[in-house]
């Protein structure tokens, strides 16, 4: 017998993750991993601690000059990070 109502495996996995409440933690993990790709390895060396809380990405930096530069490009960073993950994970970035 052949089924006409077939689904792609990606859709099935995404439904399962959503049902189990694992979709947002997985997207948060992907976003943290995408940080190095978005800002580049040179800027990533100056970051110590990255974490997400209440749709806000907290970034600890060792350079005050870099902090000022990134604060001016905050909206672009949020947009690029969310695009890299493929979902709206964060709405703001706090640099410390």
PDB file of N, CA and C in Angstrom:
ATOM      1  N   UNK A   1       0.831  -1.187   0.000  1.00  0.00           N
ATOM      2  CA  UNK A   1       0.000   0.000   0.000  1.00  0.00           C
ATOM      3  C   UNK A   1       0.871   1.244   0.000  1.00  0.00           C
ATOM      4  N   UNK A   2       0.430   2.206  -0.705  1.00  0.00           N
ATOM      5  CA  UNK A   2       1.183   3.453  -0.805  1.00  0.00           C
ATOM      6  C   UNK A   2       0.381   4.577  -0.162  1.00  0.00           C
ATOM      7  N   UNK A   3       1.071   5.365   0.655  1.00  0.00           N
ATOM      8  CA  UNK A   3       0.409   6.485   1.319  1.00  0.00           C
ATOM      9  C   UNK A   3       0.536   7.743   0.471  1.00  0.00           C
ATOM     10  N   UNK A   4      -0.527   8.487   0.425  1.00  0.00           N
ATOM     11  CA  UNK A   4      -0.518   9.740  -0.306  1.00  0.00           C
ATOM     12  C   UNK A   4      -0.162  10.927   0.588  1.00  0.00           C
ATOM     13  N   UNK A   5      -0.329  10.765   1.886  1.00  0.00           N
ATOM     14  CA  UNK A   5      -0.104  11.867   2.818  1.00  0.00           C
ATOM     15  C   UNK A   5       1.276  11.746   3.463  1.00  0.00           C
ATOM     16  N   UNK A   6       2.298  11.771   2.656  1.00  0.00           N
ATOM     17  CA  UNK A   6       3.655  11.655   3.190  1.00  0.00           C
ATOM     18  C   UNK A   6       4.141  13.021   3.666  1.00  0.00           C
ATOM     19  N   UNK A   7       5.031  12.997   4.657  1.00  0.00           N
ATOM     20  CA  UNK A   7       5.626  14.216   5.200  1.00  0.00           C
ATOM     21  C   UNK A   7       7.132  14.104   5.119  1.00  0.00           C
ATOM     22  N   UNK A   8       7.774  15.227   4.992  1.00  0.00           N
ATOM     23  CA  UNK A   8       9.228  15.244   5.000  1.00  0.00           C
ATOM     24  C   UNK A   8       9.733  14.978   6.411  1.00  0.00           C
ATOM     25  N   UNK A   9      10.876  14.329   6.501  1.00  0.00           N
ATOM     26  CA  UNK A   9      11.433  13.981   7.806  1.00  0.00           C
ATOM     27  C   UNK A   9      11.757  15.233   8.620  1.00  0.00           C
ATOM     28  N   UNK A  10      12.167  16.313   7.962  1.00  0.00           N
ATOM     29  CA  UNK A  10      12.465  17.558   8.663  1.00  0.00           C
ATOM     30  C   UNK A  10      11.250  18.137   9.353  1.00  0.00           C
ATOM     31  N   UNK A  11      10.096  18.053   8.694  1.00  0.00           N
ATOM     32  CA  UNK A  11       8.854  18.546   9.283  1.00  0.00           C
ATOM     33  C   UNK A  11       8.445  17.706  10.483  1.00  0.00           C
ATOM     34  N   UNK A  12       8.643  16.403  10.394  1.00  0.00           N
ATOM     35  CA  UNK A  12       8.291  15.506  11.498  1.00  0.00           C
ATOM     36  C   UNK A  12       9.177  15.782  12.708  1.00  0.00           C
ATOM     37  N   UNK A  13      10.463  15.968  12.460  1.00  0.00           N
ATOM     38  CA  UNK A  13      11.391  16.252  13.566  1.00  0.00           C
ATOM     39  C   UNK A  13      11.050  17.588  14.208  1.00  0.00           C
ATOM     40  N   UNK A  14      10.728  18.590  13.405  1.00  0.00           N
ATOM     41  CA  UNK A  14      10.386  19.901  13.945  1.00  0.00           C
ATOM     42  C   UNK A  14       9.099  19.834  14.781  1.00  0.00           C
ATOM     43  N   UNK A  15       8.112  19.082  14.338  1.00  0.00           N
ATOM     44  CA  UNK A  15       6.884  18.904  15.120  1.00  0.00           C
ATOM     45  C   UNK A  15       7.177  18.226  16.450  1.00  0.00           C
ATOM     46  N   UNK A  16       8.040  17.205  16.414  1.00  0.00           N
ATOM     47  CA  UNK A  16       8.403  16.497  17.633  1.00  0.00           C
ATOM     48  C   UNK A  16       9.110  17.430  18.616  1.00  0.00           C
ATOM     49  N   UNK A  17      10.064  18.208  18.125  1.00  0.00           N
ATOM     50  CA  UNK A  17      10.784  19.138  19.000  1.00  0.00           C
ATOM     51  C   UNK A  17       9.844  20.172  19.600  1.00  0.00           C
ATOM     52  N   UNK A  18       8.899  20.652  18.794  1.00  0.00           N
ATOM     53  CA  UNK A  18       7.932  21.629  19.289  1.00  0.00           C
ATOM     54  C   UNK A  18       7.032  21.015  20.355  1.00  0.00           C
ATOM     55  N   UNK A  19       6.597  19.778  20.146  1.00  0.00           N
ATOM     56  CA  UNK A  19       5.727  19.108  21.117  1.00  0.00           C
ATOM     57  C   UNK A  19       6.449  18.850  22.439  1.00  0.00           C
ATOM     58  N   UNK A  20       7.730  18.533  22.364  1.00  0.00           N
ATOM     59  CA  UNK A  20       8.507  18.235  23.563  1.00  0.00           C
ATOM     60  C   UNK A  20       9.067  19.489  24.241  1.00  0.00           C
ATOM     61  N   UNK A  21       8.864  20.665  23.638  1.00  0.00           N
ATOM     62  CA  UNK A  21       9.363  21.906  24.206  1.00  0.00           C
ATOM     63  C   UNK A  21      10.868  22.074  24.036  1.00  0.00           C
ATOM     64  N   UNK A  22      11.421  21.468  23.021  1.00  0.00           N
ATOM     65  CA  UNK A  22      12.863  21.518  22.805  1.00  0.00           C
ATOM     66  C   UNK A  22      13.268  22.446  21.662  1.00  0.00           C
ATOM     67  N   UNK A  23      12.308  23.031  20.987  1.00  0.00           N
ATOM     68  CA  UNK A  23      12.632  23.856  19.831  1.00  0.00           C
ATOM     69  C   UNK A  23      13.370  25.140  20.236  1.00  0.00           C
ATOM     70  N   UNK A  24      12.876  25.856  21.248  1.00  0.00           N
ATOM     71  CA  UNK A  24      13.537  27.107  21.621  1.00  0.00           C
ATOM     72  C   UNK A  24      14.912  26.880  22.260  1.00  0.00           C
ATOM     73  N   UNK A  25      15.115  25.890  23.142  1.00  0.00           N
ATOM     74  CA  UNK A  25      16.489  25.661  23.632  1.00  0.00           C
ATOM     75  C   UNK A  25      17.457  25.281  22.520  1.00  0.00           C
ATOM     76  N   UNK A  26      16.987  24.530  21.545  1.00  0.00           N
ATOM     77  CA  UNK A  26      17.837  24.160  20.420  1.00  0.00           C
ATOM     78  C   UNK A  26      18.197  25.385  19.578  1.00  0.00           C
ATOM     79  N   UNK A  27      17.228  26.262  19.351  1.00  0.00           N
ATOM     80  CA  UNK A  27      17.500  27.485  18.598  1.00  0.00           C
ATOM     81  C   UNK A  27      18.447  28.407  19.364  1.00  0.00           C
ATOM     82  N   UNK A  28      18.314  28.462  20.690  1.00  0.00           N
ATOM     83  CA  UNK A  28      19.234  29.264  21.499  1.00  0.00           C
ATOM     84  C   UNK A  28      20.654  28.718  21.390  1.00  0.00           C
ATOM     85  N   UNK A  29      20.793  27.412  21.435  1.00  0.00           N
ATOM     86  CA  UNK A  29      22.115  26.795  21.287  1.00  0.00           C
ATOM     87  C   UNK A  29      22.707  27.104  19.914  1.00  0.00           C
ATOM     88  N   UNK A  30      21.885  27.004  18.889  1.00  0.00           N
ATOM     89  CA  UNK A  30      22.348  27.310  17.528  1.00  0.00           C
ATOM     90  C   UNK A  30      22.800  28.759  17.415  1.00  0.00           C
ATOM     91  N   UNK A  31      22.070  29.671  18.059  1.00  0.00           N
ATOM     92  CA  UNK A  31      22.430  31.077  18.006  1.00  0.00           C
ATOM     93  C   UNK A  31      23.768  31.321  18.693  1.00  0.00           C
ATOM     94  N   UNK A  32      23.988  30.700  19.832  1.00  0.00           N
ATOM     95  CA  UNK A  32      25.269  30.862  20.525  1.00  0.00           C
ATOM     96  C   UNK A  32      26.417  30.319  19.690  1.00  0.00           C
ATOM     97  N   UNK A  33      26.180  29.227  18.984  1.00  0.00           N
ATOM     98  CA  UNK A  33      27.205  28.666  18.110  1.00  0.00           C
ATOM     99  C   UNK A  33      27.436  29.545  16.881  1.00  0.00           C
ATOM    100  N   UNK A  34      26.407  30.273  16.453  1.00  0.00           N
ATOM    101  CA  UNK A  34      26.515  31.124  15.267  1.00  0.00           C
ATOM    102  C   UNK A  34      27.235  32.434  15.558  1.00  0.00           C
ATOM    103  N   UNK A  35      27.457  32.767  16.821  1.00  0.00           N
ATOM    104  CA  UNK A  35      28.109  34.025  17.185  1.00  0.00           C
ATOM    105  C   UNK A  35      29.460  34.169  16.475  1.00  0.00           C
ATOM    106  N   UNK A  36      30.275  33.125  16.507  1.00  0.00           N
ATOM    107  CA  UNK A  36      31.600  33.180  15.882  1.00  0.00           C
ATOM    108  C   UNK A  36      31.501  33.387  14.373  1.00  0.00           C
ATOM    109  N   UNK A  37      30.513  32.778  13.749  1.00  0.00           N
ATOM    110  CA  UNK A  37      30.350  32.929  12.297  1.00  0.00           C
ATOM    111  C   UNK A  37      29.899  34.339  11.925  1.00  0.00           C
ATOM    112  N   UNK A  38      29.049  34.935  12.745  1.00  0.00           N
ATOM    113  CA  UNK A  38      28.491  36.245  12.422  1.00  0.00           C
ATOM    114  C   UNK A  38      29.505  37.363  12.685  1.00  0.00           C
ATOM    115  N   UNK A  39      30.180  37.331  13.837  1.00  0.00           N
ATOM    116  CA  UNK A  39      31.109  38.418  14.156  1.00  0.00           C
ATOM    117  C   UNK A  39      32.518  38.149  13.649  1.00  0.00           C
ATOM    118  N   UNK A  40      32.838  36.903  13.358  1.00  0.00           N
ATOM    119  CA  UNK A  40      34.173  36.564  12.872  1.00  0.00           C
ATOM    120  C   UNK A  40      35.090  36.139  14.011  1.00  0.00           C
ATOM    121  N   UNK A  41      36.146  35.406  13.684  1.00  0.00           N
ATOM    122  CA  UNK A  41      37.030  34.869  14.724  1.00  0.00           C
ATOM    123  C   UNK A  41      37.830  35.939  15.461  1.00  0.00           C
ATOM    124  N   UNK A  42      38.131  37.049  14.806  1.00  0.00           N
ATOM    125  CA  UNK A  42      38.908  38.106  15.464  1.00  0.00           C
ATOM    126  C   UNK A  42      38.114  38.753  16.589  1.00  0.00           C
ATOM    127  N   UNK A  43      36.864  39.110  16.317  1.00  0.00           N
ATOM    128  CA  UNK A  43      36.029  39.721  17.348  1.00  0.00           C
ATOM    129  C   UNK A  43      35.591  38.706  18.396  1.00  0.00           C
ATOM    130  N   UNK A  44      35.448  37.462  17.996  1.00  0.00           N
ATOM    131  CA  UNK A  44      35.007  36.425  18.936  1.00  0.00           C
ATOM    132  C   UNK A  44      36.058  36.173  20.023  1.00  0.00           C
ATOM    133  N   UNK A  45      37.318  36.482  19.746  1.00  0.00           N
ATOM    134  CA  UNK A  45      38.367  36.292  20.759  1.00  0.00           C
ATOM    135  C   UNK A  45      38.183  37.212  21.953  1.00  0.00           C
ATOM    136  N   UNK A  46      37.514  38.337  21.773  1.00  0.00           N
ATOM    137  CA  UNK A  46      37.318  39.302  22.848  1.00  0.00           C
ATOM    138  C   UNK A  46      36.049  39.043  23.658  1.00  0.00           C
ATOM    139  N   UNK A  47      35.326  37.978  23.347  1.00  0.00           N
ATOM    140  CA  UNK A  47      34.114  37.640  24.098  1.00  0.00           C
ATOM    141  C   UNK A  47      34.413  36.510  25.073  1.00  0.00           C
ATOM    142  N   UNK A  48      33.958  36.676  26.295  1.00  0.00           N
ATOM    143  CA  UNK A  48      34.182  35.672  27.333  1.00  0.00           C
ATOM    144  C   UNK A  48      32.983  34.777  27.557  1.00  0.00           C
ATOM    145  N   UNK A  49      31.854  35.373  27.791  1.00  0.00           N
ATOM    146  CA  UNK A  49      30.686  34.624  28.226  1.00  0.00           C
ATOM    147  C   UNK A  49      29.477  35.049  27.405  1.00  0.00           C
ATOM    148  N   UNK A  50      28.808  34.094  26.811  1.00  0.00           N
ATOM    149  CA  UNK A  50      27.582  34.340  26.048  1.00  0.00           C
ATOM    150  C   UNK A  50      26.460  33.518  26.660  1.00  0.00           C
ATOM    151  N   UNK A  51      25.332  34.167  26.918  1.00  0.00           N
ATOM    152  CA  UNK A  51      24.155  33.416  27.353  1.00  0.00           C
ATOM    153  C   UNK A  51      22.898  34.186  26.982  1.00  0.00           C
ATOM    154  N   UNK A  52      21.789  33.452  26.903  1.00  0.00           N
ATOM    155  CA  UNK A  52      20.509  34.034  26.516  1.00  0.00           C
ATOM    156  C   UNK A  52      19.544  33.893  27.684  1.00  0.00           C
ATOM    157  N   UNK A  53      18.877  35.003  27.994  1.00  0.00           N
ATOM    158  CA  UNK A  53      17.862  34.996  29.049  1.00  0.00           C
ATOM    159  C   UNK A  53      16.743  35.934  28.626  1.00  0.00           C
ATOM    160  N   UNK A  54      15.531  35.431  28.583  1.00  0.00           N
ATOM    161  CA  UNK A  54      14.346  36.219  28.208  1.00  0.00           C
ATOM    162  C   UNK A  54      14.511  36.914  26.853  1.00  0.00           C
ATOM    163  N   UNK A  55      14.934  36.166  25.866  1.00  0.00           N
ATOM    164  CA  UNK A  55      15.126  36.629  24.486  1.00  0.00           C
ATOM    165  C   UNK A  55      16.141  37.766  24.387  1.00  0.00           C
ATOM    166  N   UNK A  56      17.064  37.844  25.343  1.00  0.00           N
ATOM    167  CA  UNK A  56      18.137  38.825  25.317  1.00  0.00           C
ATOM    168  C   UNK A  56      19.459  38.087  25.375  1.00  0.00           C
ATOM    169  N   UNK A  57      20.339  38.404  24.446  1.00  0.00           N
ATOM    170  CA  UNK A  57      21.674  37.813  24.419  1.00  0.00           C
ATOM    171  C   UNK A  57      22.598  38.698  25.237  1.00  0.00           C
ATOM    172  N   UNK A  58      23.254  38.111  26.235  1.00  0.00           N
ATOM    173  CA  UNK A  58      24.223  38.819  27.064  1.00  0.00           C
ATOM    174  C   UNK A  58      25.614  38.413  26.614  1.00  0.00           C
ATOM    175  N   UNK A  59      26.439  39.416  26.315  1.00  0.00           N
ATOM    176  CA  UNK A  59      27.785  39.185  25.804  1.00  0.00           C
ATOM    177  C   UNK A  59      28.769  39.918  26.703  1.00  0.00           C
ATOM    178  N   UNK A  60      29.710  39.183  27.295  1.00  0.00           N
ATOM    179  CA  UNK A  60      30.759  39.784  28.107  1.00  0.00           C
ATOM    180  C   UNK A  60      31.983  39.995  27.230  1.00  0.00           C
ATOM    181  N   UNK A  61      32.432  41.242  27.163  1.00  0.00           N
ATOM    182  CA  UNK A  61      33.560  41.604  26.305  1.00  0.00           C
ATOM    183  C   UNK A  61      34.750  42.050  27.150  1.00  0.00           C
ATOM    184  N   UNK A  62      35.950  41.850  26.606  1.00  0.00           N
ATOM    185  CA  UNK A  62      37.166  42.277  27.309  1.00  0.00           C
ATOM    186  C   UNK A  62      37.688  43.607  26.793  1.00  0.00           C
ATOM    187  N   UNK A  63      37.087  44.150  25.750  1.00  0.00           N
ATOM    188  CA  UNK A  63      37.535  45.405  25.156  1.00  0.00           C
ATOM    189  C   UNK A  63      36.407  46.429  25.182  1.00  0.00           C
ATOM    190  N   UNK A  64      36.663  47.568  25.834  1.00  0.00           N
ATOM    191  CA  UNK A  64      35.639  48.613  25.890  1.00  0.00           C
ATOM    192  C   UNK A  64      35.439  49.279  24.529  1.00  0.00           C
ATOM    193  N   UNK A  65      36.482  49.346  23.727  1.00  0.00           N
ATOM    194  CA  UNK A  65      36.367  49.930  22.389  1.00  0.00           C
ATOM    195  C   UNK A  65      35.478  49.050  21.517  1.00  0.00           C
ATOM    196  N   UNK A  66      35.681  47.760  21.595  1.00  0.00           N
ATOM    197  CA  UNK A  66      34.854  46.825  20.843  1.00  0.00           C
ATOM    198  C   UNK A  66      33.403  46.876  21.319  1.00  0.00           C
ATOM    199  N   UNK A  67      33.200  47.056  22.617  1.00  0.00           N
ATOM    200  CA  UNK A  67      31.845  47.151  23.165  1.00  0.00           C
ATOM    201  C   UNK A  67      31.104  48.333  22.543  1.00  0.00           C
ATOM    202  N   UNK A  68      31.765  49.481  22.459  1.00  0.00           N
ATOM    203  CA  UNK A  68      31.141  50.658  21.846  1.00  0.00           C
ATOM    204  C   UNK A  68      30.813  50.416  20.380  1.00  0.00           C
ATOM    205  N   UNK A  69      31.727  49.791  19.663  1.00  0.00           N
ATOM    206  CA  UNK A  69      31.514  49.516  18.240  1.00  0.00           C
ATOM    207  C   UNK A  69      30.332  48.568  18.035  1.00  0.00           C
ATOM    208  N   UNK A  70      30.255  47.533  18.854  1.00  0.00           N
ATOM    209  CA  UNK A  70      29.155  46.577  18.718  1.00  0.00           C
ATOM    210  C   UNK A  70      27.823  47.172  19.155  1.00  0.00           C
ATOM    211  N   UNK A  71      27.855  48.084  20.126  1.00  0.00           N
ATOM    212  CA  UNK A  71      26.606  48.720  20.560  1.00  0.00           C
ATOM    213  C   UNK A  71      25.983  49.540  19.431  1.00  0.00           C
ATOM    214  N   UNK A  72      26.831  50.126  18.591  1.00  0.00           N
ATOM    215  CA  UNK A  72      26.305  50.916  17.471  1.00  0.00           C
ATOM    216  C   UNK A  72      25.701  50.019  16.392  1.00  0.00           C
ATOM    217  N   UNK A  73      26.133  48.768  16.315  1.00  0.00           N
ATOM    218  CA  UNK A  73      25.631  47.830  15.305  1.00  0.00           C
ATOM    219  C   UNK A  73      24.736  46.751  15.915  1.00  0.00           C
ATOM    220  N   UNK A  74      24.133  47.038  17.036  1.00  0.00           N
ATOM    221  CA  UNK A  74      23.334  46.053  17.772  1.00  0.00           C
ATOM    222  C   UNK A  74      22.165  45.509  16.956  1.00  0.00           C
ATOM    223  N   UNK A  75      21.407  46.386  16.306  1.00  0.00           N
ATOM    224  CA  UNK A  75      20.233  45.929  15.553  1.00  0.00           C
ATOM    225  C   UNK A  75      20.626  45.027  14.391  1.00  0.00           C
ATOM    226  N   UNK A  76      21.710  45.368  13.722  1.00  0.00           N
ATOM    227  CA  UNK A  76      22.193  44.549  12.609  1.00  0.00           C
ATOM    228  C   UNK A  76      22.656  43.175  13.115  1.00  0.00           C
ATOM    229  N   UNK A  77      23.306  43.143  14.267  1.00  0.00           N
ATOM    230  CA  UNK A  77      23.742  41.870  14.849  1.00  0.00           C
ATOM    231  C   UNK A  77      22.551  40.986  15.202  1.00  0.00           C
ATOM    232  N   UNK A  78      21.526  41.574  15.808  1.00  0.00           N
ATOM    233  CA  UNK A  78      20.322  40.805  16.160  1.00  0.00           C
ATOM    234  C   UNK A  78      19.700  40.208  14.906  1.00  0.00           C
ATOM    235  N   UNK A  79      19.604  41.026  13.875  1.00  0.00           N
ATOM    236  CA  UNK A  79      19.012  40.560  12.617  1.00  0.00           C
ATOM    237  C   UNK A  79      19.835  39.438  11.990  1.00  0.00           C
ATOM    238  N   UNK A  80      21.156  39.605  11.952  1.00  0.00           N
ATOM    239  CA  UNK A  80      22.020  38.592  11.342  1.00  0.00           C
ATOM    240  C   UNK A  80      22.053  37.293  12.144  1.00  0.00           C
ATOM    241  N   UNK A  81      22.059  37.390  13.460  1.00  0.00           N
ATOM    242  CA  UNK A  81      22.054  36.177  14.284  1.00  0.00           C
ATOM    243  C   UNK A  81      20.751  35.406  14.118  1.00  0.00           C
ATOM    244  N   UNK A  82      19.630  36.110  14.143  1.00  0.00           N
ATOM    245  CA  UNK A  82      18.342  35.443  13.952  1.00  0.00           C
ATOM    246  C   UNK A  82      18.236  34.825  12.565  1.00  0.00           C
ATOM    247  N   UNK A  83      18.763  35.513  11.564  1.00  0.00           N
ATOM    248  CA  UNK A  83      18.730  34.978  10.199  1.00  0.00           C
ATOM    249  C   UNK A  83      19.594  33.721  10.099  1.00  0.00           C
ATOM    250  N   UNK A  84      20.729  33.718  10.780  1.00  0.00           N
ATOM    251  CA  UNK A  84      21.619  32.555  10.751  1.00  0.00           C
ATOM    252  C   UNK A  84      20.934  31.319  11.336  1.00  0.00           C
ATOM    253  N   UNK A  85      20.131  31.519  12.373  1.00  0.00           N
ATOM    254  CA  UNK A  85      19.418  30.410  13.014  1.00  0.00           C
ATOM    255  C   UNK A  85      18.160  30.052  12.232  1.00  0.00           C
ATOM    256  N   UNK A  86      17.541  31.038  11.624  1.00  0.00           N
ATOM    257  CA  UNK A  86      16.315  30.790  10.875  1.00  0.00           C
ATOM    258  C   UNK A  86      15.066  30.947  11.710  1.00  0.00           C
ATOM    259  N   UNK A  87      15.189  31.613  12.858  1.00  0.00           N
ATOM    260  CA  UNK A  87      14.037  31.840  13.733  1.00  0.00           C
ATOM    261  C   UNK A  87      14.304  33.086  14.575  1.00  0.00           C
ATOM    262  N   UNK A  88      13.244  33.685  15.100  1.00  0.00           N
ATOM    263  CA  UNK A  88      13.392  34.846  15.981  1.00  0.00           C
ATOM    264  C   UNK A  88      13.693  34.338  17.383  1.00  0.00           C
ATOM    265  N   UNK A  89      14.962  34.330  17.738  1.00  0.00           N
ATOM    266  CA  UNK A  89      15.409  33.807  19.030  1.00  0.00           C
ATOM    267  C   UNK A  89      15.646  34.937  20.015  1.00  0.00           C
ATOM    268  N   UNK A  90      16.283  36.019  19.555  1.00  0.00           N
ATOM    269  CA  UNK A  90      16.580  37.147  20.443  1.00  0.00           C
ATOM    270  C   UNK A  90      15.975  38.411  19.871  1.00  0.00           C
ATOM    271  N   UNK A  91      15.720  39.373  20.757  1.00  0.00           N
ATOM    272  CA  UNK A  91      15.216  40.677  20.323  1.00  0.00           C
ATOM    273  C   UNK A  91      16.171  41.798  20.744  1.00  0.00           C
ATOM    274  N   UNK A  92      17.148  41.480  21.617  1.00  0.00           N
ATOM    275  CA  UNK A  92      18.056  42.501  22.105  1.00  0.00           C
ATOM    276  C   UNK A  92      19.390  41.850  22.472  1.00  0.00           C
ATOM    277  N   UNK A  93      20.435  42.680  22.478  1.00  0.00           N
ATOM    278  CA  UNK A  93      21.759  42.235  22.921  1.00  0.00           C
ATOM    279  C   UNK A  93      22.239  43.227  23.974  1.00  0.00           C
ATOM    280  N   UNK A  94      22.769  42.690  25.073  1.00  0.00           N
ATOM    281  CA  UNK A  94      23.358  43.509  26.121  1.00  0.00           C
ATOM    282  C   UNK A  94      24.841  43.201  26.163  1.00  0.00           C
ATOM    283  N   UNK A  95      25.660  44.242  26.018  1.00  0.00           N
ATOM    284  CA  UNK A  95      27.106  44.081  26.072  1.00  0.00           C
ATOM    285  C   UNK A  95      27.605  44.510  27.433  1.00  0.00           C
ATOM    286  N   UNK A  96      28.436  43.668  28.037  1.00  0.00           N
ATOM    287  CA  UNK A  96      28.979  43.981  29.365  1.00  0.00           C
ATOM    288  C   UNK A  96      30.464  43.931  29.341  1.00  0.00           C
TER     289      UNK A  96
END
